[in-house]
Amino acid sequence: MYYPLCLNGVDIHPLFGDFLKGKPYIFDFSSNNPKTLEYPLTDFHQFNQMVFDELEASKQQWGIGRYLEERKSLLRSYPNIIEEQRYYHLGLDIIVHYNTPMFAPLEAEVYKTAKETTLGNYGGYIILKHEMNGVVFYSLYGHLKTPHLVHVGDKIKAGQKFAHIGVASDSGGWFCHVHLQVLTQEAMDAGYSDWGYISPALLPKVETYFPSPYFLFKY
């Protein structure tokens, strides 16, 4: 299933409402960029400051970190990720300041809310379940402020506020942003609901499990 096909005739609400202005600054978080080796990954405040200094210097209001970008050097502090070679980014990062509100792109049921406390993980995150034209899929939002605004089982409408950008422990120690990811039912059944990165060995199955999230992000 090519997932945008299931949204024929369905309006997608902008994830940040009317907050985002102009075009995004495209960050390069790949290992091709030597600056990624300068990021102090265990010092949230300094790490966050470096990212937002770069954004400010670009004269853009907001930024993007790319889907399927190879990020081995950015993940160097997390041996389990490197050992498993899971360094291809499965989400779309939208980089905005702390506490920026988010609005559901589609009507949904809240499937899961949680907070991971280990540095380098999602921090606060929410998974929404969608069913559109008979197709079930899920959207994941990582690095969110807690306590969460919604609860498992809640029905939410497109355009309803459901989360805010987190900071420090709520962001898993990453700079302030949301990690937007799409997961299929096959991914959930296979136990991949908490994977934010994929190995080269699984790249041929990426559309089966983790389709591009760009179709769900409107601004």
N, C-alpha and C. Protein backbone atom coordinates (compact mmCIF):
# COMPACT_ATOMS: atom_id res chain seq x y z
N MET A 1 0.85 -1.20 0.00
CA MET A 1 0.00 0.00 0.00
C MET A 1 0.88 1.24 0.00
N TYR A 2 0.65 2.12 -0.95
CA TYR A 2 1.32 3.43 -0.96
C TYR A 2 0.45 4.35 -0.11
N TYR A 3 0.91 4.72 1.07
CA TYR A 3 0.03 5.27 2.09
C TYR A 3 -0.69 6.56 1.71
N PRO A 4 -0.10 7.47 0.96
CA PRO A 4 -0.89 8.64 0.55
C PRO A 4 -2.17 8.28 -0.20
N LEU A 5 -2.21 7.09 -0.83
CA LEU A 5 -3.42 6.70 -1.56
C LEU A 5 -4.60 6.54 -0.63
N CYS A 6 -4.35 6.14 0.62
CA CYS A 6 -5.46 5.93 1.56
C CYS A 6 -6.03 7.25 2.05
N LEU A 7 -5.36 8.37 1.71
CA LEU A 7 -5.81 9.68 2.15
C LEU A 7 -6.49 10.46 1.04
N ASN A 8 -6.83 9.77 -0.05
CA ASN A 8 -7.55 10.46 -1.12
C ASN A 8 -8.82 11.10 -0.58
N GLY A 9 -8.94 12.41 -0.77
CA GLY A 9 -10.12 13.13 -0.31
C GLY A 9 -10.09 13.50 1.15
N VAL A 10 -9.00 13.19 1.86
CA VAL A 10 -8.89 13.49 3.29
C VAL A 10 -7.99 14.70 3.47
N ASP A 11 -8.46 15.70 4.21
CA ASP A 11 -7.65 16.88 4.49
C ASP A 11 -6.70 16.59 5.65
N ILE A 12 -5.46 17.00 5.49
CA ILE A 12 -4.46 16.86 6.54
C ILE A 12 -4.26 18.22 7.20
N HIS A 13 -4.43 18.26 8.50
CA HIS A 13 -4.28 19.51 9.23
C HIS A 13 -2.79 19.77 9.47
N PRO A 14 -2.33 21.01 9.35
CA PRO A 14 -0.92 21.31 9.64
C PRO A 14 -0.55 20.93 11.08
N LEU A 15 0.55 20.21 11.24
CA LEU A 15 0.96 19.71 12.55
C LEU A 15 1.17 20.84 13.56
N PHE A 16 1.65 21.98 13.08
CA PHE A 16 1.88 23.12 13.97
C PHE A 16 0.90 24.26 13.71
N GLY A 17 -0.26 23.94 13.16
CA GLY A 17 -1.24 24.99 12.89
C GLY A 17 -0.66 26.01 11.92
N ASP A 18 -0.79 27.29 12.26
CA ASP A 18 -0.25 28.35 11.40
C ASP A 18 1.05 28.92 11.96
N PHE A 19 1.73 28.15 12.82
CA PHE A 19 2.92 28.66 13.49
C PHE A 19 4.13 28.76 12.57
N LEU A 20 4.34 27.77 11.70
CA LEU A 20 5.54 27.72 10.87
C LEU A 20 5.45 28.74 9.75
N LYS A 21 6.47 29.58 9.64
CA LYS A 21 6.50 30.63 8.62
C LYS A 21 7.68 30.41 7.68
N GLY A 22 7.44 30.58 6.40
CA GLY A 22 8.50 30.48 5.41
C GLY A 22 8.97 29.05 5.20
N LYS A 23 10.08 28.92 4.50
CA LYS A 23 10.65 27.61 4.21
C LYS A 23 11.54 27.15 5.36
N PRO A 24 11.74 25.84 5.51
CA PRO A 24 12.60 25.36 6.60
C PRO A 24 14.07 25.43 6.23
N TYR A 25 14.90 25.49 7.26
CA TYR A 25 16.33 25.28 7.09
C TYR A 25 16.57 23.78 7.16
N ILE A 26 17.26 23.22 6.18
CA ILE A 26 17.52 21.79 6.14
C ILE A 26 18.84 21.50 6.83
N PHE A 27 18.77 20.86 7.98
CA PHE A 27 19.98 20.47 8.70
C PHE A 27 20.62 19.26 8.04
N ASP A 28 21.93 19.17 8.16
CA ASP A 28 22.66 17.98 7.73
C ASP A 28 23.19 17.29 8.98
N PHE A 29 22.47 16.26 9.42
CA PHE A 29 22.89 15.49 10.59
C PHE A 29 23.60 14.20 10.17
N SER A 30 23.96 14.09 8.90
CA SER A 30 24.60 12.87 8.41
C SER A 30 26.07 12.84 8.81
N SER A 31 26.67 11.67 8.67
CA SER A 31 28.09 11.53 8.99
C SER A 31 28.99 12.24 7.99
N ASN A 32 28.43 12.72 6.90
CA ASN A 32 29.21 13.51 5.94
C ASN A 32 29.52 14.90 6.49
N ASN A 33 28.78 15.31 7.51
CA ASN A 33 28.95 16.64 8.09
C ASN A 33 29.84 16.54 9.33
N PRO A 34 31.08 17.04 9.27
CA PRO A 34 31.98 16.91 10.43
C PRO A 34 31.47 17.62 11.68
N LYS A 35 30.54 18.56 11.51
CA LYS A 35 30.00 19.28 12.67
C LYS A 35 29.28 18.33 13.63
N THR A 36 28.76 17.22 13.12
CA THR A 36 28.05 16.28 14.00
C THR A 36 28.98 15.72 15.07
N LEU A 37 30.28 15.70 14.81
CA LEU A 37 31.23 15.21 15.80
C LEU A 37 31.50 16.24 16.89
N GLU A 38 31.07 17.47 16.67
CA GLU A 38 31.27 18.53 17.66
C GLU A 38 30.11 18.63 18.65
N TYR A 39 28.98 18.03 18.33
CA TYR A 39 27.83 18.14 19.22
C TYR A 39 28.13 17.44 20.55
N PRO A 40 27.93 18.12 21.68
CA PRO A 40 28.11 17.50 23.00
C PRO A 40 26.85 16.70 23.37
N LEU A 41 26.82 15.45 22.98
CA LEU A 41 25.58 14.68 23.02
C LEU A 41 25.05 14.45 24.44
N THR A 42 25.90 14.55 25.43
CA THR A 42 25.44 14.30 26.81
C THR A 42 25.17 15.58 27.58
N ASP A 43 25.29 16.72 26.92
CA ASP A 43 25.00 18.01 27.56
C ASP A 43 23.85 18.66 26.80
N PHE A 44 22.62 18.44 27.28
CA PHE A 44 21.45 18.90 26.54
C PHE A 44 21.52 20.38 26.20
N HIS A 45 21.82 21.20 27.18
CA HIS A 45 21.72 22.65 26.97
C HIS A 45 22.73 23.14 25.93
N GLN A 46 23.93 22.63 25.97
CA GLN A 46 24.93 23.04 24.98
C GLN A 46 24.58 22.49 23.60
N PHE A 47 24.15 21.24 23.55
CA PHE A 47 23.73 20.60 22.30
C PHE A 47 22.58 21.39 21.67
N ASN A 48 21.58 21.67 22.47
CA ASN A 48 20.42 22.42 21.98
C ASN A 48 20.83 23.81 21.49
N GLN A 49 21.72 24.46 22.23
CA GLN A 49 22.16 25.80 21.86
C GLN A 49 22.88 25.79 20.52
N MET A 50 23.72 24.79 20.28
CA MET A 50 24.44 24.71 19.01
C MET A 50 23.49 24.54 17.83
N VAL A 51 22.49 23.70 18.01
CA VAL A 51 21.52 23.47 16.92
C VAL A 51 20.73 24.75 16.65
N PHE A 52 20.28 25.42 17.70
CA PHE A 52 19.46 26.61 17.48
C PHE A 52 20.30 27.82 17.07
N ASP A 53 21.58 27.83 17.40
CA ASP A 53 22.47 28.87 16.86
C ASP A 53 22.59 28.71 15.35
N GLU A 54 22.70 27.48 14.90
CA GLU A 54 22.78 27.23 13.46
C GLU A 54 21.48 27.62 12.77
N LEU A 55 20.35 27.31 13.41
CA LEU A 55 19.06 27.70 12.85
C LEU A 55 18.95 29.22 12.77
N GLU A 56 19.33 29.92 13.83
CA GLU A 56 19.25 31.38 13.85
C GLU A 56 20.14 31.99 12.76
N ALA A 57 21.32 31.42 12.58
CA ALA A 57 22.24 31.93 11.56
C ALA A 57 21.68 31.75 10.15
N SER A 58 20.80 30.77 9.98
CA SER A 58 20.20 30.53 8.65
C SER A 58 19.13 31.55 8.29
N LYS A 59 18.66 32.31 9.30
CA LYS A 59 17.59 33.30 9.13
C LYS A 59 16.23 32.65 8.89
N GLN A 60 16.15 31.33 9.08
CA GLN A 60 14.87 30.64 8.96
C GLN A 60 14.28 30.45 10.36
N GLN A 61 12.95 30.32 10.40
CA GLN A 61 12.27 30.21 11.70
C GLN A 61 12.30 28.79 12.25
N TRP A 62 12.37 27.81 11.37
CA TRP A 62 12.27 26.42 11.79
C TRP A 62 13.14 25.56 10.90
N GLY A 63 13.37 24.33 11.34
CA GLY A 63 14.28 23.46 10.60
C GLY A 63 13.73 22.06 10.40
N ILE A 64 14.43 21.31 9.55
CA ILE A 64 14.07 19.93 9.20
C ILE A 64 15.32 19.06 9.32
N GLY A 65 15.13 17.88 9.90
CA GLY A 65 16.12 16.80 9.84
C GLY A 65 15.51 15.68 9.03
N ARG A 66 16.24 15.14 8.10
CA ARG A 66 15.66 14.34 7.03
C ARG A 66 15.38 12.87 7.38
N TYR A 67 14.36 12.35 6.76
CA TYR A 67 13.98 10.94 6.80
C TYR A 67 15.03 10.11 6.05
N LEU A 68 15.38 8.96 6.61
CA LEU A 68 16.35 8.00 6.06
C LEU A 68 17.77 8.56 5.95
N GLU A 69 18.05 9.62 6.67
CA GLU A 69 19.41 10.14 6.72
C GLU A 69 20.28 9.18 7.53
N GLU A 70 21.51 8.95 7.07
CA GLU A 70 22.47 8.10 7.77
C GLU A 70 23.14 8.96 8.85
N ARG A 71 23.07 8.52 10.13
CA ARG A 71 23.51 9.36 11.25
C ARG A 71 24.46 8.63 12.20
N LYS A 72 25.36 7.86 11.65
CA LYS A 72 26.24 7.06 12.51
C LYS A 72 27.03 7.92 13.48
N SER A 73 27.59 9.02 13.03
CA SER A 73 28.40 9.84 13.93
C SER A 73 27.55 10.53 14.99
N LEU A 74 26.32 10.88 14.66
CA LEU A 74 25.42 11.52 15.63
C LEU A 74 24.99 10.54 16.72
N LEU A 75 25.06 9.26 16.42
CA LEU A 75 24.62 8.22 17.35
C LEU A 75 25.80 7.56 18.07
N ARG A 76 26.97 8.16 18.00
CA ARG A 76 28.19 7.52 18.49
C ARG A 76 28.18 7.24 19.99
N SER A 77 27.33 7.94 20.75
CA SER A 77 27.30 7.73 22.20
C SER A 77 26.40 6.56 22.61
N TYR A 78 25.81 5.90 21.64
CA TYR A 78 24.83 4.85 21.95
C TYR A 78 25.30 3.53 21.35
N PRO A 79 26.15 2.76 22.07
CA PRO A 79 26.79 1.57 21.52
C PRO A 79 25.81 0.53 20.99
N ASN A 80 24.65 0.41 21.64
CA ASN A 80 23.69 -0.61 21.16
C ASN A 80 23.20 -0.29 19.76
N ILE A 81 22.99 1.00 19.48
CA ILE A 81 22.54 1.41 18.15
C ILE A 81 23.63 1.13 17.12
N ILE A 82 24.87 1.49 17.45
CA ILE A 82 25.98 1.27 16.52
C ILE A 82 26.20 -0.22 16.30
N GLU A 83 26.14 -1.00 17.37
CA GLU A 83 26.35 -2.45 17.25
C GLU A 83 25.31 -3.08 16.33
N GLU A 84 24.08 -2.61 16.44
CA GLU A 84 23.00 -3.15 15.59
C GLU A 84 22.95 -2.47 14.23
N GLN A 85 23.82 -1.48 14.00
CA GLN A 85 23.89 -0.74 12.74
C GLN A 85 22.58 -0.03 12.41
N ARG A 86 21.84 0.36 13.45
CA ARG A 86 20.57 1.06 13.23
C ARG A 86 20.82 2.57 13.23
N TYR A 87 21.39 3.05 12.14
CA TYR A 87 21.70 4.48 12.08
C TYR A 87 21.08 5.19 10.89
N TYR A 88 20.05 4.60 10.29
CA TYR A 88 19.27 5.30 9.26
C TYR A 88 17.98 5.81 9.92
N HIS A 89 17.79 7.10 9.86
CA HIS A 89 16.73 7.80 10.60
C HIS A 89 15.37 7.52 9.99
N LEU A 90 14.44 7.03 10.81
CA LEU A 90 13.11 6.63 10.31
C LEU A 90 12.07 7.72 10.40
N GLY A 91 12.41 8.84 11.01
CA GLY A 91 11.44 9.91 11.17
C GLY A 91 11.81 11.14 10.38
N LEU A 92 10.93 12.09 10.45
CA LEU A 92 11.17 13.45 9.97
C LEU A 92 11.26 14.32 11.22
N ASP A 93 12.39 14.98 11.41
CA ASP A 93 12.55 15.88 12.55
C ASP A 93 12.09 17.28 12.16
N ILE A 94 11.18 17.86 12.94
CA ILE A 94 10.78 19.25 12.74
C ILE A 94 11.30 20.02 13.96
N ILE A 95 12.21 20.94 13.71
CA ILE A 95 12.98 21.59 14.77
C ILE A 95 12.38 22.96 15.06
N VAL A 96 11.77 23.05 16.23
CA VAL A 96 11.15 24.29 16.71
C VAL A 96 11.42 24.38 18.21
N HIS A 97 11.13 25.52 18.79
CA HIS A 97 11.48 25.75 20.19
C HIS A 97 10.59 24.97 21.16
N TYR A 98 11.11 24.84 22.36
CA TYR A 98 10.39 24.20 23.46
C TYR A 98 8.99 24.76 23.63
N ASN A 99 8.06 23.87 23.93
CA ASN A 99 6.67 24.18 24.29
C ASN A 99 5.81 24.58 23.10
N THR A 100 6.32 24.52 21.88
CA THR A 100 5.50 24.79 20.71
C THR A 100 4.38 23.74 20.63
N PRO A 101 3.12 24.15 20.47
CA PRO A 101 2.02 23.18 20.45
C PRO A 101 1.91 22.46 19.11
N MET A 102 1.35 21.24 19.18
CA MET A 102 1.11 20.42 17.99
C MET A 102 -0.35 20.03 17.93
N PHE A 103 -0.83 19.86 16.70
CA PHE A 103 -2.23 19.58 16.43
C PHE A 103 -2.33 18.33 15.55
N ALA A 104 -3.28 17.47 15.87
CA ALA A 104 -3.38 16.19 15.15
C ALA A 104 -3.59 16.42 13.66
N PRO A 105 -2.79 15.77 12.81
CA PRO A 105 -2.96 15.94 11.37
C PRO A 105 -4.21 15.26 10.83
N LEU A 106 -4.66 14.21 11.53
CA LEU A 106 -5.83 13.44 11.13
C LEU A 106 -6.60 13.04 12.39
N GLU A 107 -7.85 12.67 12.21
CA GLU A 107 -8.57 12.11 13.36
C GLU A 107 -7.89 10.81 13.76
N ALA A 108 -7.93 10.50 15.04
CA ALA A 108 -7.13 9.38 15.52
C ALA A 108 -7.65 8.89 16.86
N GLU A 109 -7.16 7.73 17.24
CA GLU A 109 -7.29 7.21 18.60
C GLU A 109 -5.90 7.19 19.21
N VAL A 110 -5.79 7.62 20.45
CA VAL A 110 -4.50 7.59 21.12
C VAL A 110 -4.17 6.14 21.47
N TYR A 111 -3.13 5.62 20.83
CA TYR A 111 -2.75 4.21 20.97
C TYR A 111 -1.81 4.00 22.15
N LYS A 112 -0.87 4.94 22.33
CA LYS A 112 0.11 4.79 23.41
C LYS A 112 0.65 6.15 23.81
N THR A 113 0.87 6.34 25.10
CA THR A 113 1.62 7.49 25.62
C THR A 113 2.65 6.94 26.59
N ALA A 114 3.84 7.53 26.58
CA ALA A 114 4.89 7.01 27.46
C ALA A 114 6.00 8.04 27.58
N LYS A 115 6.92 7.75 28.49
CA LYS A 115 8.15 8.53 28.59
C LYS A 115 9.32 7.58 28.81
N GLU A 116 10.29 7.64 27.91
CA GLU A 116 11.52 6.88 28.07
C GLU A 116 12.53 7.76 28.81
N THR A 117 13.19 7.20 29.81
CA THR A 117 14.06 8.00 30.66
C THR A 117 15.54 7.87 30.30
N THR A 118 15.89 6.93 29.43
CA THR A 118 17.28 6.74 29.06
C THR A 118 17.71 7.83 28.08
N LEU A 119 18.88 8.42 28.33
CA LEU A 119 19.41 9.46 27.45
C LEU A 119 19.55 8.93 26.02
N GLY A 120 19.09 9.72 25.06
CA GLY A 120 19.20 9.34 23.66
C GLY A 120 17.95 8.70 23.10
N ASN A 121 16.94 8.44 23.95
CA ASN A 121 15.69 7.86 23.47
C ASN A 121 14.67 8.96 23.20
N TYR A 122 13.40 8.58 23.11
CA TYR A 122 12.35 9.53 22.74
C TYR A 122 12.00 10.53 23.83
N GLY A 123 12.31 10.21 25.10
CA GLY A 123 11.72 11.02 26.15
C GLY A 123 10.21 10.79 26.13
N GLY A 124 9.42 11.87 26.19
CA GLY A 124 7.98 11.72 26.07
C GLY A 124 7.57 11.44 24.64
N TYR A 125 6.66 10.48 24.46
CA TYR A 125 6.19 10.21 23.10
C TYR A 125 4.75 9.73 23.10
N ILE A 126 4.12 9.91 21.94
CA ILE A 126 2.72 9.53 21.73
C ILE A 126 2.63 8.79 20.39
N ILE A 127 1.84 7.72 20.37
CA ILE A 127 1.52 7.03 19.13
C ILE A 127 0.02 7.16 18.90
N LEU A 128 -0.34 7.68 17.72
CA LEU A 128 -1.74 7.78 17.32
C LEU A 128 -2.07 6.70 16.29
N LYS A 129 -3.26 6.16 16.39
CA LYS A 129 -3.74 5.13 15.45
C LYS A 129 -4.77 5.77 14.52
N HIS A 130 -4.57 5.57 13.23
CA HIS A 130 -5.46 6.14 12.21
C HIS A 130 -6.07 5.02 11.37
N GLU A 131 -7.31 5.21 10.94
CA GLU A 131 -7.90 4.32 9.95
C GLU A 131 -8.55 5.19 8.89
N MET A 132 -8.00 5.12 7.68
CA MET A 132 -8.45 5.95 6.58
C MET A 132 -8.76 5.07 5.37
N ASN A 133 -9.99 5.13 4.92
CA ASN A 133 -10.41 4.36 3.74
C ASN A 133 -10.02 2.88 3.86
N GLY A 134 -10.21 2.35 5.07
CA GLY A 134 -9.97 0.94 5.32
C GLY A 134 -8.53 0.57 5.62
N VAL A 135 -7.64 1.55 5.63
CA VAL A 135 -6.22 1.29 5.90
C VAL A 135 -5.88 1.78 7.31
N VAL A 136 -5.28 0.91 8.11
CA VAL A 136 -4.84 1.26 9.46
C VAL A 136 -3.35 1.56 9.43
N PHE A 137 -2.96 2.68 10.01
CA PHE A 137 -1.55 2.99 10.19
C PHE A 137 -1.41 3.85 11.44
N TYR A 138 -0.18 4.09 11.83
CA TYR A 138 0.12 4.76 13.09
C TYR A 138 1.08 5.92 12.84
N SER A 139 0.95 6.98 13.62
CA SER A 139 1.93 8.06 13.59
C SER A 139 2.51 8.23 14.99
N LEU A 140 3.83 8.36 15.03
CA LEU A 140 4.56 8.47 16.30
C LEU A 140 5.17 9.86 16.39
N TYR A 141 5.10 10.44 17.58
CA TYR A 141 5.62 11.78 17.85
C TYR A 141 6.54 11.67 19.06
N GLY A 142 7.84 11.88 18.86
CA GLY A 142 8.81 11.72 19.94
C GLY A 142 9.35 13.05 20.41
N HIS A 143 9.86 13.07 21.66
CA HIS A 143 10.51 14.23 22.29
C HIS A 143 9.47 15.27 22.73
N LEU A 144 8.44 14.80 23.42
CA LEU A 144 7.30 15.63 23.80
C LEU A 144 7.30 15.98 25.28
N LYS A 145 6.74 17.13 25.57
CA LYS A 145 6.56 17.59 26.95
C LYS A 145 5.63 16.65 27.71
N THR A 146 6.01 16.34 28.94
CA THR A 146 5.13 15.56 29.82
C THR A 146 4.80 16.39 31.06
N PRO A 147 3.69 16.10 31.74
CA PRO A 147 2.73 15.02 31.47
C PRO A 147 1.97 15.27 30.16
N HIS A 148 1.56 14.18 29.54
CA HIS A 148 0.90 14.28 28.24
C HIS A 148 -0.48 14.91 28.36
N LEU A 149 -0.90 15.55 27.28
CA LEU A 149 -2.23 16.17 27.24
C LEU A 149 -3.34 15.16 26.97
N VAL A 150 -2.99 14.02 26.38
CA VAL A 150 -3.99 13.02 26.00
C VAL A 150 -3.66 11.69 26.67
N HIS A 151 -4.63 10.78 26.63
CA HIS A 151 -4.49 9.50 27.30
C HIS A 151 -4.89 8.38 26.35
N VAL A 152 -4.36 7.20 26.61
CA VAL A 152 -4.67 6.04 25.77
C VAL A 152 -6.18 5.84 25.68
N GLY A 153 -6.65 5.63 24.46
CA GLY A 153 -8.08 5.43 24.22
C GLY A 153 -8.84 6.69 23.85
N ASP A 154 -8.23 7.86 24.08
CA ASP A 154 -8.90 9.12 23.69
C ASP A 154 -9.11 9.16 22.18
N LYS A 155 -10.25 9.66 21.77
CA LYS A 155 -10.51 9.94 20.35
C LYS A 155 -10.22 11.42 20.12
N ILE A 156 -9.38 11.71 19.17
CA ILE A 156 -9.06 13.11 18.90
C ILE A 156 -9.37 13.44 17.45
N LYS A 157 -9.71 14.68 17.22
CA LYS A 157 -10.09 15.14 15.89
C LYS A 157 -8.91 15.79 15.19
N ALA A 158 -8.95 15.80 13.87
CA ALA A 158 -7.94 16.54 13.11
C ALA A 158 -7.97 18.00 13.55
N GLY A 159 -6.79 18.54 13.82
CA GLY A 159 -6.70 19.93 14.27
C GLY A 159 -6.78 20.12 15.76
N GLN A 160 -6.99 19.04 16.51
CA GLN A 160 -7.05 19.15 17.97
C GLN A 160 -5.64 19.18 18.56
N LYS A 161 -5.39 20.10 19.49
CA LYS A 161 -4.09 20.14 20.15
C LYS A 161 -3.91 18.89 20.99
N PHE A 162 -2.74 18.24 20.85
CA PHE A 162 -2.53 17.00 21.58
C PHE A 162 -1.16 16.91 22.25
N ALA A 163 -0.25 17.86 21.98
CA ALA A 163 1.09 17.74 22.54
C ALA A 163 1.83 19.07 22.42
N HIS A 164 2.97 19.14 23.15
CA HIS A 164 3.91 20.26 23.04
C HIS A 164 5.33 19.69 22.91
N ILE A 165 6.20 20.47 22.31
CA ILE A 165 7.62 20.10 22.21
C ILE A 165 8.23 20.04 23.60
N GLY A 166 9.01 18.99 23.85
CA GLY A 166 9.64 18.80 25.15
C GLY A 166 11.04 19.38 25.23
N VAL A 167 11.61 19.30 26.42
CA VAL A 167 12.94 19.85 26.67
C VAL A 167 13.66 18.93 27.64
N ALA A 168 15.00 18.84 27.50
CA ALA A 168 15.85 18.08 28.43
C ALA A 168 15.38 16.63 28.55
N SER A 169 14.99 16.19 29.75
CA SER A 169 14.62 14.78 29.90
C SER A 169 13.39 14.43 29.07
N ASP A 170 12.47 15.39 28.86
CA ASP A 170 11.29 15.12 28.04
C ASP A 170 11.65 14.93 26.56
N SER A 171 12.81 15.45 26.16
CA SER A 171 13.24 15.28 24.78
C SER A 171 14.25 14.14 24.64
N GLY A 172 14.47 13.40 25.72
CA GLY A 172 15.44 12.32 25.68
C GLY A 172 16.88 12.82 25.58
N GLY A 173 17.07 14.10 25.91
CA GLY A 173 18.40 14.69 25.82
C GLY A 173 18.74 15.26 24.46
N TRP A 174 17.87 15.05 23.48
CA TRP A 174 18.08 15.62 22.15
C TRP A 174 17.65 17.08 22.14
N PHE A 175 18.11 17.82 21.13
CA PHE A 175 17.67 19.20 20.93
C PHE A 175 16.16 19.25 20.75
N CYS A 176 15.56 20.40 20.96
CA CYS A 176 14.10 20.54 20.91
C CYS A 176 13.58 20.33 19.49
N HIS A 177 12.75 19.34 19.34
CA HIS A 177 12.14 19.03 18.04
C HIS A 177 11.11 17.94 18.25
N VAL A 178 10.35 17.64 17.21
CA VAL A 178 9.51 16.45 17.22
C VAL A 178 10.01 15.50 16.15
N HIS A 179 10.08 14.24 16.51
CA HIS A 179 10.39 13.15 15.59
C HIS A 179 9.05 12.59 15.12
N LEU A 180 8.70 12.85 13.88
CA LEU A 180 7.43 12.37 13.30
C LEU A 180 7.73 11.14 12.47
N GLN A 181 7.05 10.05 12.77
CA GLN A 181 7.31 8.78 12.09
C GLN A 181 5.99 8.08 11.79
N VAL A 182 5.93 7.39 10.68
CA VAL A 182 4.77 6.60 10.30
C VAL A 182 5.12 5.12 10.41
N LEU A 183 4.23 4.35 11.02
CA LEU A 183 4.42 2.91 11.16
C LEU A 183 3.19 2.19 10.61
N THR A 184 3.40 1.09 9.95
CA THR A 184 2.31 0.27 9.44
C THR A 184 1.86 -0.73 10.51
N GLN A 185 0.74 -1.38 10.23
CA GLN A 185 0.31 -2.44 11.14
C GLN A 185 1.35 -3.56 11.17
N GLU A 186 1.99 -3.81 10.03
CA GLU A 186 3.04 -4.84 9.97
C GLU A 186 4.19 -4.51 10.93
N ALA A 187 4.56 -3.24 11.02
CA ALA A 187 5.62 -2.83 11.93
C ALA A 187 5.21 -3.07 13.38
N MET A 188 3.97 -2.73 13.70
CA MET A 188 3.51 -2.92 15.07
C MET A 188 3.47 -4.41 15.41
N ASP A 189 2.99 -5.22 14.48
CA ASP A 189 2.90 -6.67 14.72
C ASP A 189 4.29 -7.29 14.89
N ALA A 190 5.29 -6.70 14.22
CA ALA A 190 6.66 -7.23 14.29
C ALA A 190 7.43 -6.71 15.50
N GLY A 191 6.80 -5.84 16.30
CA GLY A 191 7.44 -5.33 17.50
C GLY A 191 8.38 -4.17 17.28
N TYR A 192 8.16 -3.40 16.21
CA TYR A 192 9.04 -2.29 15.87
C TYR A 192 8.49 -0.93 16.31
N SER A 193 7.55 -0.91 17.22
CA SER A 193 6.86 0.34 17.55
C SER A 193 7.79 1.39 18.14
N ASP A 194 8.91 0.98 18.77
CA ASP A 194 9.79 1.95 19.41
C ASP A 194 11.08 2.18 18.63
N TRP A 195 11.16 1.69 17.40
CA TRP A 195 12.37 1.87 16.59
C TRP A 195 12.33 3.23 15.92
N GLY A 196 13.38 4.02 16.14
CA GLY A 196 13.51 5.30 15.45
C GLY A 196 14.57 5.29 14.37
N TYR A 197 15.34 4.19 14.33
CA TYR A 197 16.41 4.02 13.34
C TYR A 197 16.38 2.58 12.83
N ILE A 198 16.90 2.39 11.62
CA ILE A 198 16.87 1.08 10.97
C ILE A 198 18.25 0.74 10.43
N SER A 199 18.55 -0.54 10.35
CA SER A 199 19.85 -1.00 9.84
C SER A 199 19.81 -1.13 8.32
N PRO A 200 20.98 -1.14 7.68
CA PRO A 200 21.01 -1.36 6.22
C PRO A 200 20.32 -2.65 5.81
N ALA A 201 20.41 -3.67 6.66
CA ALA A 201 19.82 -4.96 6.31
C ALA A 201 18.30 -4.87 6.16
N LEU A 202 17.67 -3.94 6.90
CA LEU A 202 16.21 -3.82 6.84
C LEU A 202 15.74 -2.73 5.87
N LEU A 203 16.66 -2.00 5.26
CA LEU A 203 16.25 -0.94 4.34
C LEU A 203 15.33 -1.43 3.21
N PRO A 204 15.54 -2.64 2.66
CA PRO A 204 14.61 -3.10 1.62
C PRO A 204 13.17 -3.24 2.11
N LYS A 205 12.97 -3.33 3.42
CA LYS A 205 11.62 -3.48 3.98
C LYS A 205 11.09 -2.17 4.55
N VAL A 206 11.78 -1.07 4.31
CA VAL A 206 11.42 0.17 4.99
C VAL A 206 10.01 0.63 4.63
N GLU A 207 9.59 0.47 3.38
CA GLU A 207 8.24 0.89 2.99
C GLU A 207 7.18 -0.01 3.60
N THR A 208 7.54 -1.26 3.85
CA THR A 208 6.60 -2.20 4.47
C THR A 208 6.32 -1.82 5.92
N TYR A 209 7.37 -1.36 6.60
CA TYR A 209 7.25 -1.07 8.03
C TYR A 209 7.17 0.42 8.36
N PHE A 210 7.97 1.23 7.69
CA PHE A 210 8.14 2.64 8.07
C PHE A 210 8.08 3.54 6.83
N PRO A 211 6.91 3.73 6.25
CA PRO A 211 6.81 4.57 5.05
C PRO A 211 7.26 6.01 5.33
N SER A 212 7.63 6.70 4.29
CA SER A 212 8.02 8.11 4.42
C SER A 212 6.92 8.90 5.14
N PRO A 213 7.29 9.71 6.14
CA PRO A 213 6.29 10.50 6.86
C PRO A 213 5.96 11.83 6.20
N TYR A 214 6.61 12.16 5.08
CA TYR A 214 6.43 13.48 4.49
C TYR A 214 4.97 13.76 4.13
N PHE A 215 4.24 12.72 3.73
CA PHE A 215 2.85 12.94 3.31
C PHE A 215 1.97 13.43 4.45
N LEU A 216 2.40 13.15 5.69
CA LEU A 216 1.57 13.49 6.86
C LEU A 216 1.91 14.86 7.42
N PHE A 217 2.96 15.47 6.93
CA PHE A 217 3.41 16.75 7.48
C PHE A 217 3.03 17.87 6.51
N LYS A 218 2.09 18.68 6.96
CA LYS A 218 1.64 19.83 6.19
C LYS A 218 1.94 21.11 6.96
N TYR A 219 2.32 22.15 6.25
CA TYR A 219 2.58 23.43 6.92
C TYR A 219 2.22 24.58 6.01
